[in-house]
Amino acid sequence: MTQVSKYPITDNVYQRILDIFFKSLVEIKTGDEAKQFIKDFLSPAEQIMLSKRLAIAFLLEKKYEFRQISRILRVSLTTVAKVSMMRKYGGEGYQKIINKILKEEQVKDFLAKVGESLTEVVSKGKGSATWRYLNQELKTKRQSKPF
């Protein structure tokens, strides 16, 4: 459970530290920088908690049922409901990120299917064992995604 100090800070200090935090996030340019920042900045429990919240929003967007999400991510139905409420009432930030992830996933899926189709066509002839192997690897990789 996240804890906040019982000693309040002034609104000016709060606005300043929030501004620094947001600017720090904007300065992250690569996936490696993001991983290092999150690893250094958040505890393992916080990393899992935030990752699960984003995954809940992602699965809700993909029309998964609350109980399915609860089972897949091992979270309570209450947590799923809270994320759902945040998305419905003020979750513009969630929606923008989820849409970007879905677009990227659609492009990757499309390219993977094109790759599978190409390897199927090429693998129907002499000396095609490598292409059959590649085709099988592409299918296995696509099917191994948990959701």
C-alpha atoms as a PDB file:
ATOM      1  CA  MET A   1       0.000   0.000   0.000  1.00  0.00           C
ATOM      2  CA  THR A   2       1.347   3.406  -0.963  1.00  0.00           C
ATOM      3  CA  GLN A   3       1.962   5.730   1.943  1.00  0.00           C
ATOM      4  CA  VAL A   4       2.168   9.505   2.034  1.00  0.00           C
ATOM      5  CA  SER A   5       3.796  11.372   4.875  1.00  0.00           C
ATOM      6  CA  LYS A   6       1.409  12.673   7.493  1.00  0.00           C
ATOM      7  CA  TYR A   7       3.297  15.977   7.397  1.00  0.00           C
ATOM      8  CA  PRO A   8       1.752  18.046   4.590  1.00  0.00           C
ATOM      9  CA  ILE A   9       3.802  20.167   2.219  1.00  0.00           C
ATOM     10  CA  THR A  10       2.793  23.537   0.865  1.00  0.00           C
ATOM     11  CA  ASP A  11       0.969  23.776  -2.439  1.00  0.00           C
ATOM     12  CA  ASN A  12       3.971  25.595  -3.986  1.00  0.00           C
ATOM     13  CA  VAL A  13       6.349  22.811  -3.005  1.00  0.00           C
ATOM     14  CA  TYR A  14       3.878  20.200  -4.249  1.00  0.00           C
ATOM     15  CA  GLN A  15       3.520  21.920  -7.632  1.00  0.00           C
ATOM     16  CA  ARG A  16       7.301  22.266  -7.962  1.00  0.00           C
ATOM     17  CA  ILE A  17       8.091  18.616  -7.192  1.00  0.00           C
ATOM     18  CA  LEU A  18       5.291  17.479  -9.518  1.00  0.00           C
ATOM     19  CA  ASP A  19       6.706  19.702 -12.262  1.00  0.00           C
ATOM     20  CA  ILE A  20      10.189  18.223 -11.772  1.00  0.00           C
ATOM     21  CA  PHE A  21       8.741  14.712 -11.846  1.00  0.00           C
ATOM     22  CA  PHE A  22       6.828  15.290 -15.098  1.00  0.00           C
ATOM     23  CA  LYS A  23       9.821  16.957 -16.749  1.00  0.00           C
ATOM     24  CA  SER A  24      11.942  13.971 -15.727  1.00  0.00           C
ATOM     25  CA  LEU A  25       9.502  11.621 -17.462  1.00  0.00           C
ATOM     26  CA  VAL A  26       9.471  13.737 -20.610  1.00  0.00           C
ATOM     27  CA  GLU A  27      13.274  13.628 -20.781  1.00  0.00           C
ATOM     28  CA  ILE A  28      13.284   9.837 -21.114  1.00  0.00           C
ATOM     29  CA  LYS A  29      14.079   9.139 -24.769  1.00  0.00           C
ATOM     30  CA  THR A  30      14.713   5.393 -25.079  1.00  0.00           C
ATOM     31  CA  GLY A  31      13.368   2.145 -23.720  1.00  0.00           C
ATOM     32  CA  ASP A  32      16.654   1.492 -21.939  1.00  0.00           C
ATOM     33  CA  GLU A  33      16.512   4.893 -20.236  1.00  0.00           C
ATOM     34  CA  ALA A  34      12.921   4.189 -19.168  1.00  0.00           C
ATOM     35  CA  LYS A  35      13.832   0.768 -17.744  1.00  0.00           C
ATOM     36  CA  GLN A  36      16.785   2.179 -15.816  1.00  0.00           C
ATOM     37  CA  PHE A  37      14.771   5.105 -14.454  1.00  0.00           C
ATOM     38  CA  ILE A  38      11.886   2.897 -13.331  1.00  0.00           C
ATOM     39  CA  LYS A  39      14.252   0.336 -11.838  1.00  0.00           C
ATOM     40  CA  ASP A  40      16.065   3.045  -9.849  1.00  0.00           C
ATOM     41  CA  PHE A  41      13.004   5.121  -9.009  1.00  0.00           C
ATOM     42  CA  LEU A  42      10.369   2.561  -8.004  1.00  0.00           C
ATOM     43  CA  SER A  43      10.500  -0.365  -5.633  1.00  0.00           C
ATOM     44  CA  PRO A  44       9.819  -3.808  -7.134  1.00  0.00           C
ATOM     45  CA  ALA A  45       6.340  -3.783  -5.545  1.00  0.00           C
ATOM     46  CA  GLU A  46       5.561  -0.366  -7.057  1.00  0.00           C
ATOM     47  CA  GLN A  47       6.785  -1.529 -10.468  1.00  0.00           C
ATOM     48  CA  ILE A  48       4.464  -4.543 -10.355  1.00  0.00           C
ATOM     49  CA  MET A  49       1.529  -2.490  -9.075  1.00  0.00           C
ATOM     50  CA  LEU A  50       1.803   0.132 -11.823  1.00  0.00           C
ATOM     51  CA  SER A  51       2.468  -2.453 -14.529  1.00  0.00           C
ATOM     52  CA  LYS A  52      -0.632  -4.380 -13.514  1.00  0.00           C
ATOM     53  CA  ARG A  53      -2.771  -1.234 -13.612  1.00  0.00           C
ATOM     54  CA  LEU A  54      -1.654  -0.508 -17.151  1.00  0.00           C
ATOM     55  CA  ALA A  55      -2.187  -4.141 -18.141  1.00  0.00           C
ATOM     56  CA  ILE A  56      -5.708  -3.994 -16.679  1.00  0.00           C
ATOM     57  CA  ALA A  57      -6.500  -0.944 -18.817  1.00  0.00           C
ATOM     58  CA  PHE A  58      -5.016  -2.699 -21.852  1.00  0.00           C
ATOM     59  CA  LEU A  59      -7.111  -5.828 -21.304  1.00  0.00           C
ATOM     60  CA  LEU A  60     -10.248  -3.784 -20.669  1.00  0.00           C
ATOM     61  CA  GLU A  61      -9.685  -2.060 -24.003  1.00  0.00           C
ATOM     62  CA  LYS A  62      -9.393  -5.495 -25.630  1.00  0.00           C
ATOM     63  CA  LYS A  63     -12.841  -6.333 -24.162  1.00  0.00           C
ATOM     64  CA  TYR A  64     -11.693  -8.909 -21.608  1.00  0.00           C
ATOM     65  CA  GLU A  65     -14.158  -9.646 -18.787  1.00  0.00           C
ATOM     66  CA  PHE A  66     -13.341  -8.448 -15.262  1.00  0.00           C
ATOM     67  CA  ARG A  67     -13.000 -12.039 -14.011  1.00  0.00           C
ATOM     68  CA  GLN A  68     -10.647 -12.983 -16.851  1.00  0.00           C
ATOM     69  CA  ILE A  69      -8.425 -10.010 -16.058  1.00  0.00           C
ATOM     70  CA  SER A  70      -8.493 -10.875 -12.376  1.00  0.00           C
ATOM     71  CA  ARG A  71      -7.389 -14.439 -13.142  1.00  0.00           C
ATOM     72  CA  ILE A  72      -4.702 -13.514 -15.700  1.00  0.00           C
ATOM     73  CA  LEU A  73      -3.062 -10.759 -13.653  1.00  0.00           C
ATOM     74  CA  ARG A  74      -3.916 -12.118 -10.193  1.00  0.00           C
ATOM     75  CA  VAL A  75      -5.570  -8.920  -9.041  1.00  0.00           C
ATOM     76  CA  SER A  76      -8.827  -8.393  -7.188  1.00  0.00           C
ATOM     77  CA  LEU A  77     -12.064  -7.553  -8.965  1.00  0.00           C
ATOM     78  CA  THR A  78     -12.038  -4.314  -6.974  1.00  0.00           C
ATOM     79  CA  THR A  79      -8.719  -3.320  -8.558  1.00  0.00           C
ATOM     80  CA  VAL A  80     -10.075  -4.071 -12.035  1.00  0.00           C
ATOM     81  CA  ALA A  81     -13.181  -2.012 -11.262  1.00  0.00           C
ATOM     82  CA  LYS A  82     -11.098   0.932 -10.012  1.00  0.00           C
ATOM     83  CA  VAL A  83      -9.021   0.998 -13.191  1.00  0.00           C
ATOM     84  CA  SER A  84     -12.188   0.702 -15.244  1.00  0.00           C
ATOM     85  CA  MET A  85     -13.694   3.690 -13.425  1.00  0.00           C
ATOM     86  CA  MET A  86     -10.512   5.734 -13.930  1.00  0.00           C
ATOM     87  CA  ARG A  87     -10.640   5.002 -17.654  1.00  0.00           C
ATOM     88  CA  LYS A  88     -14.296   5.950 -17.928  1.00  0.00           C
ATOM     89  CA  TYR A  89     -14.192   9.100 -15.813  1.00  0.00           C
ATOM     90  CA  GLY A  90     -11.026  11.012 -16.504  1.00  0.00           C
ATOM     91  CA  GLY A  91      -8.776   8.348 -17.939  1.00  0.00           C
ATOM     92  CA  GLU A  92      -7.596  10.316 -20.974  1.00  0.00           C
ATOM     93  CA  GLY A  93      -4.003   9.502 -20.101  1.00  0.00           C
ATOM     94  CA  TYR A  94      -4.788   5.805 -19.945  1.00  0.00           C
ATOM     95  CA  GLN A  95      -6.585   5.941 -23.275  1.00  0.00           C
ATOM     96  CA  LYS A  96      -3.777   7.720 -25.124  1.00  0.00           C
ATOM     97  CA  ILE A  97      -1.151   5.240 -23.961  1.00  0.00           C
ATOM     98  CA  ILE A  98      -3.375   2.220 -24.598  1.00  0.00           C
ATOM     99  CA  ASN A  99      -4.162   3.447 -28.118  1.00  0.00           C
ATOM    100  CA  LYS A 100      -0.434   3.838 -28.874  1.00  0.00           C
ATOM    101  CA  ILE A 101       0.295   0.339 -27.581  1.00  0.00           C
ATOM    102  CA  LEU A 102      -2.582  -1.156 -29.590  1.00  0.00           C
ATOM    103  CA  LYS A 103      -1.470   0.574 -32.793  1.00  0.00           C
ATOM    104  CA  GLU A 104       2.074  -0.699 -32.340  1.00  0.00           C
ATOM    105  CA  GLU A 105       0.776  -4.192 -31.578  1.00  0.00           C
ATOM    106  CA  GLN A 106      -1.425  -4.160 -34.685  1.00  0.00           C
ATOM    107  CA  VAL A 107       1.520  -3.158 -36.859  1.00  0.00           C
ATOM    108  CA  LYS A 108       3.707  -5.892 -35.340  1.00  0.00           C
ATOM    109  CA  ASP A 109       0.947  -8.493 -35.784  1.00  0.00           C
ATOM    110  CA  PHE A 110       0.439  -7.430 -39.376  1.00  0.00           C
ATOM    111  CA  LEU A 111       4.156  -7.658 -40.137  1.00  0.00           C
ATOM    112  CA  ALA A 112       4.382 -11.041 -38.412  1.00  0.00           C
ATOM    113  CA  LYS A 113       1.511 -12.363 -40.527  1.00  0.00           C
ATOM    114  CA  VAL A 114       3.161 -11.028 -43.692  1.00  0.00           C
ATOM    115  CA  GLY A 115       6.388 -12.734 -42.644  1.00  0.00           C
ATOM    116  CA  GLU A 116       4.536 -16.004 -42.031  1.00  0.00           C
ATOM    117  CA  SER A 117       2.826 -15.766 -45.422  1.00  0.00           C
ATOM    118  CA  LEU A 118       6.107 -15.111 -47.202  1.00  0.00           C
ATOM    119  CA  THR A 119       7.876 -17.977 -45.479  1.00  0.00           C
ATOM    120  CA  GLU A 120       4.977 -20.313 -46.313  1.00  0.00           C
ATOM    121  CA  VAL A 121       5.242 -19.446 -50.009  1.00  0.00           C
ATOM    122  CA  VAL A 122       9.034 -19.806 -50.084  1.00  0.00           C
ATOM    123  CA  SER A 123       9.052 -23.010 -48.012  1.00  0.00           C
ATOM    124  CA  LYS A 124       7.323 -25.057 -50.726  1.00  0.00           C
ATOM    125  CA  GLY A 125      10.332 -26.153 -52.733  1.00  0.00           C
ATOM    126  CA  LYS A 126      13.755 -27.680 -52.810  1.00  0.00           C
ATOM    127  CA  GLY A 127      16.141 -26.458 -50.105  1.00  0.00           C
ATOM    128  CA  SER A 128      13.350 -24.902 -48.092  1.00  0.00           C
ATOM    129  CA  ALA A 129      14.014 -26.419 -44.660  1.00  0.00           C
ATOM    130  CA  THR A 130      15.337 -23.106 -43.338  1.00  0.00           C
ATOM    131  CA  TRP A 131      12.227 -21.282 -44.497  1.00  0.00           C
ATOM    132  CA  ARG A 132       9.941 -23.901 -42.881  1.00  0.00           C
ATOM    133  CA  TYR A 133      11.903 -23.518 -39.650  1.00  0.00           C
ATOM    134  CA  LEU A 134      11.600 -19.723 -39.808  1.00  0.00           C
ATOM    135  CA  ASN A 135       7.875 -20.002 -40.507  1.00  0.00           C
ATOM    136  CA  GLN A 136       7.402 -22.265 -37.474  1.00  0.00           C
ATOM    137  CA  GLU A 137       9.422 -19.895 -35.279  1.00  0.00           C
ATOM    138  CA  LEU A 138       7.290 -16.919 -36.354  1.00  0.00           C
ATOM    139  CA  LYS A 139       4.067 -18.809 -35.590  1.00  0.00           C
ATOM    140  CA  THR A 140       5.360 -19.984 -32.217  1.00  0.00           C
ATOM    141  CA  LYS A 141       6.426 -16.474 -31.240  1.00  0.00           C
ATOM    142  CA  ARG A 142       3.048 -14.995 -32.219  1.00  0.00           C
ATOM    143  CA  GLN A 143       1.126 -17.680 -30.331  1.00  0.00           C
ATOM    144  CA  SER A 144       3.239 -17.403 -27.178  1.00  0.00           C
ATOM    145  CA  LYS A 145       1.851 -13.995 -26.202  1.00  0.00           C
ATOM    146  CA  PRO A 146      -0.118 -14.364 -22.943  1.00  0.00           C
ATOM    147  CA  PHE A 147      -2.838 -11.924 -24.116  1.00  0.00           C
END
